[in-house]
Amino acid sequence: MLEIFDTRQKQAVLAVFLISFASIAAAYGFEYIGGYKPCALCYQQRLVYYLVVPLTGIFVGMGLAGKNPEALLTTKQLLWVAIIAMLTGALLAGYHAGVEWKLWAGPSSCTGGGGLSGGIPDFSKARVVMCDEAQLRILGLSFAGWNVVVSLMVVFIAIWGLKQASAKS
């Protein structure tokens, strides 16, 4: 059954899918099970996963069902989409990590340095999760920092898959 992943490109697509799916599942797990609420920048970082996971998932699912997955996109095109999307995600996550480390200012709507907006505060709204405060650090990296690592790992796997023609074994 797994012979459909007989090329390096298709193996790369499978790896991109599995890692991306696991990453977004972990984000939801930390949110709904762990109680770590995402900030506005966290939500923006998820957007690339909402593109990459379904596209690669459809490709993998079609392959497992015995259909030609390249009817949607060629494997090479899909890997390029993953590279561009995950590089964008790495940049967003890097920006967010820099905001958390106070290397640069973040959006005034979700950082502590925004000051008072004036007027009467609306206490009926839920508390805004601050973008410049890391809720948890694991081995020194926040969720945004780990997103940089995972995004770049996915990029390198996709590049590895594209190098199939030059790497004959």
Protein backbone atom coordinates (compact mmCIF):
# COMPACT_ATOMS: atom_id res chain seq x y z
CA MET A 1 0.00 0.00 0.00
CA LEU A 2 2.80 2.46 0.76
CA GLU A 3 4.43 1.83 -2.61
CA ILE A 4 2.64 4.96 -3.80
CA PHE A 5 5.30 6.87 -1.87
CA ASP A 6 8.04 5.32 -4.00
CA THR A 7 9.80 8.56 -4.92
CA ARG A 8 11.67 11.02 -2.82
CA GLN A 9 9.22 13.79 -3.80
CA LYS A 10 6.21 11.78 -2.65
CA GLN A 11 7.97 10.82 0.57
CA ALA A 12 8.65 14.50 1.17
CA VAL A 13 4.96 15.35 0.64
CA LEU A 14 4.00 12.63 3.13
CA ALA A 15 6.52 13.98 5.68
CA VAL A 16 5.31 17.57 5.12
CA PHE A 17 1.74 16.43 5.73
CA LEU A 18 2.52 14.40 8.85
CA ILE A 19 4.70 17.10 10.47
CA SER A 20 2.31 19.93 9.58
CA PHE A 21 -0.73 17.98 10.78
CA ALA A 22 1.04 17.07 14.04
CA SER A 23 2.04 20.71 14.55
CA ILE A 24 -1.43 22.16 14.16
CA ALA A 25 -2.88 19.32 16.24
CA ALA A 26 -0.35 20.14 18.98
CA ALA A 27 -1.36 23.82 18.81
CA TYR A 28 -4.99 22.86 19.33
CA GLY A 29 -3.98 20.44 22.08
CA PHE A 30 -2.08 23.14 23.96
CA GLU A 31 -5.07 25.46 23.51
CA TYR A 32 -7.99 23.18 24.38
CA ILE A 33 -6.35 20.66 26.70
CA GLY A 34 -3.50 22.70 28.16
CA GLY A 35 -5.44 25.95 28.45
CA TYR A 36 -2.86 28.09 26.61
CA LYS A 37 -4.93 30.64 24.71
CA PRO A 38 -3.43 31.91 21.45
CA CYS A 39 -2.84 35.59 20.76
CA ALA A 40 -3.58 37.41 17.51
CA LEU A 41 -0.12 36.60 16.10
CA CYS A 42 -0.56 32.92 17.01
CA TYR A 43 -3.76 32.81 14.97
CA GLN A 44 -1.96 34.37 11.99
CA GLN A 45 0.76 31.71 12.17
CA ARG A 46 -1.87 28.98 11.90
CA LEU A 47 -3.00 30.21 8.47
CA VAL A 48 -0.13 28.51 6.64
CA TYR A 49 -1.07 25.20 8.23
CA TYR A 50 -4.66 25.70 7.04
CA LEU A 51 -3.24 25.74 3.50
CA VAL A 52 -0.50 23.11 3.71
CA VAL A 53 -2.34 20.43 5.72
CA PRO A 54 -5.41 20.13 3.46
CA LEU A 55 -3.42 20.29 0.21
CA THR A 56 -0.88 17.67 1.26
CA GLY A 57 -3.63 15.67 3.00
CA ILE A 58 -5.68 15.48 -0.19
CA PHE A 59 -2.56 14.42 -2.08
CA VAL A 60 -1.75 11.69 0.45
CA GLY A 61 -5.38 10.57 0.70
CA MET A 62 -5.78 10.31 -3.06
CA GLY A 63 -2.57 8.30 -3.26
CA LEU A 64 -3.72 5.93 -0.53
CA ALA A 65 -7.06 5.52 -2.32
CA GLY A 66 -5.26 4.47 -5.49
CA LYS A 67 -6.11 7.67 -7.35
CA ASN A 68 -3.58 9.83 -9.17
CA PRO A 69 -2.82 12.61 -6.67
CA GLU A 70 -1.12 14.68 -9.35
CA ALA A 71 -4.53 15.44 -10.86
CA LEU A 72 -4.68 18.28 -8.31
CA LEU A 73 -1.08 19.54 -8.42
CA THR A 74 2.13 17.91 -9.49
CA THR A 75 4.29 16.73 -6.63
CA LYS A 76 6.87 19.38 -7.51
CA GLN A 77 4.26 22.17 -7.49
CA LEU A 78 2.90 20.97 -4.16
CA LEU A 79 6.36 21.01 -2.61
CA TRP A 80 6.91 24.56 -3.88
CA VAL A 81 3.60 25.64 -2.35
CA ALA A 82 4.71 24.07 0.94
CA ILE A 83 8.08 25.82 0.78
CA ILE A 84 6.56 29.25 0.14
CA ALA A 85 3.82 28.79 2.75
CA MET A 86 6.12 27.46 5.45
CA LEU A 87 8.75 30.15 4.80
CA THR A 88 5.99 32.68 5.28
CA GLY A 89 5.01 30.89 8.48
CA ALA A 90 8.63 30.91 9.69
CA LEU A 91 8.83 34.67 9.07
CA LEU A 92 5.57 35.28 10.96
CA ALA A 93 6.71 33.07 13.82
CA GLY A 94 10.14 34.73 13.87
CA TYR A 95 8.48 38.14 14.05
CA HIS A 96 6.29 36.92 16.92
CA ALA A 97 9.26 35.42 18.77
CA GLY A 98 11.09 38.74 18.39
CA VAL A 99 8.08 40.55 19.86
CA GLU A 100 8.15 38.14 22.80
CA TRP A 101 11.88 38.76 23.34
CA LYS A 102 11.19 42.54 23.12
CA LEU A 103 13.53 42.85 20.10
CA TRP A 104 10.92 44.96 18.31
CA ALA A 105 7.46 46.29 18.90
CA GLY A 106 4.45 44.16 18.14
CA PRO A 107 0.95 45.18 17.18
CA SER A 108 -0.46 47.73 19.61
CA SER A 109 -3.69 45.75 19.79
CA CYS A 110 -2.05 42.88 21.67
CA THR A 111 1.11 44.12 23.33
CA GLY A 112 1.65 45.55 26.77
CA GLY A 113 3.21 48.75 25.46
CA GLY A 114 0.08 49.88 23.65
CA GLY A 115 -1.07 52.21 26.44
CA LEU A 116 -4.64 53.07 27.28
CA SER A 117 -7.02 53.47 24.39
CA GLY A 118 -9.12 56.03 26.22
CA GLY A 119 -12.78 55.88 26.99
CA ILE A 120 -14.56 53.49 29.28
CA PRO A 121 -13.08 49.98 29.29
CA ASP A 122 -15.36 47.20 28.07
CA PHE A 123 -15.22 44.51 30.75
CA SER A 124 -17.72 42.31 28.93
CA LYS A 125 -15.06 41.12 26.47
CA ALA A 126 -12.71 38.28 27.16
CA ARG A 127 -9.17 39.11 28.23
CA VAL A 128 -6.85 39.86 25.33
CA VAL A 129 -3.91 37.46 25.21
CA MET A 130 -0.80 39.57 24.92
CA CYS A 131 1.46 38.90 21.93
CA ASP A 132 4.59 40.07 23.75
CA GLU A 133 4.30 37.62 26.64
CA ALA A 134 5.34 34.02 26.04
CA GLN A 135 2.91 31.79 27.90
CA LEU A 136 5.35 28.88 28.04
CA ARG A 137 8.96 28.25 27.09
CA ILE A 138 10.22 24.76 26.36
CA LEU A 139 14.02 24.47 26.21
CA GLY A 140 14.15 28.25 26.04
CA LEU A 141 11.78 28.61 23.08
CA SER A 142 8.19 29.84 23.13
CA PHE A 143 5.46 28.39 20.95
CA ALA A 144 6.39 30.96 18.29
CA GLY A 145 10.06 29.97 18.55
CA TRP A 146 9.22 26.31 18.11
CA ASN A 147 7.03 27.22 15.16
CA VAL A 148 10.09 28.75 13.47
CA VAL A 149 11.99 25.48 14.02
CA VAL A 150 9.16 23.28 12.73
CA SER A 151 8.41 25.53 9.75
CA LEU A 152 12.05 25.55 8.65
CA MET A 153 12.28 21.78 9.13
CA VAL A 154 9.30 21.36 6.79
CA VAL A 155 10.94 23.73 4.29
CA PHE A 156 14.15 21.67 4.33
CA ILE A 157 12.21 18.41 3.87
CA ALA A 158 10.37 19.90 0.88
CA ILE A 159 13.68 21.09 -0.61
CA TRP A 160 15.11 17.60 -0.04
CA GLY A 161 12.16 16.20 -1.98
CA LEU A 162 12.77 18.59 -4.86
CA LYS A 163 16.38 17.47 -5.14
CA GLN A 164 15.26 14.02 -6.31
CA ALA A 165 16.62 14.36 -9.83
CA SER A 166 20.12 15.26 -8.70
CA ALA A 167 20.27 12.61 -5.98
CA LYS A 168 20.09 9.24 -7.68
CA SER A 169 20.84 6.43 -5.27
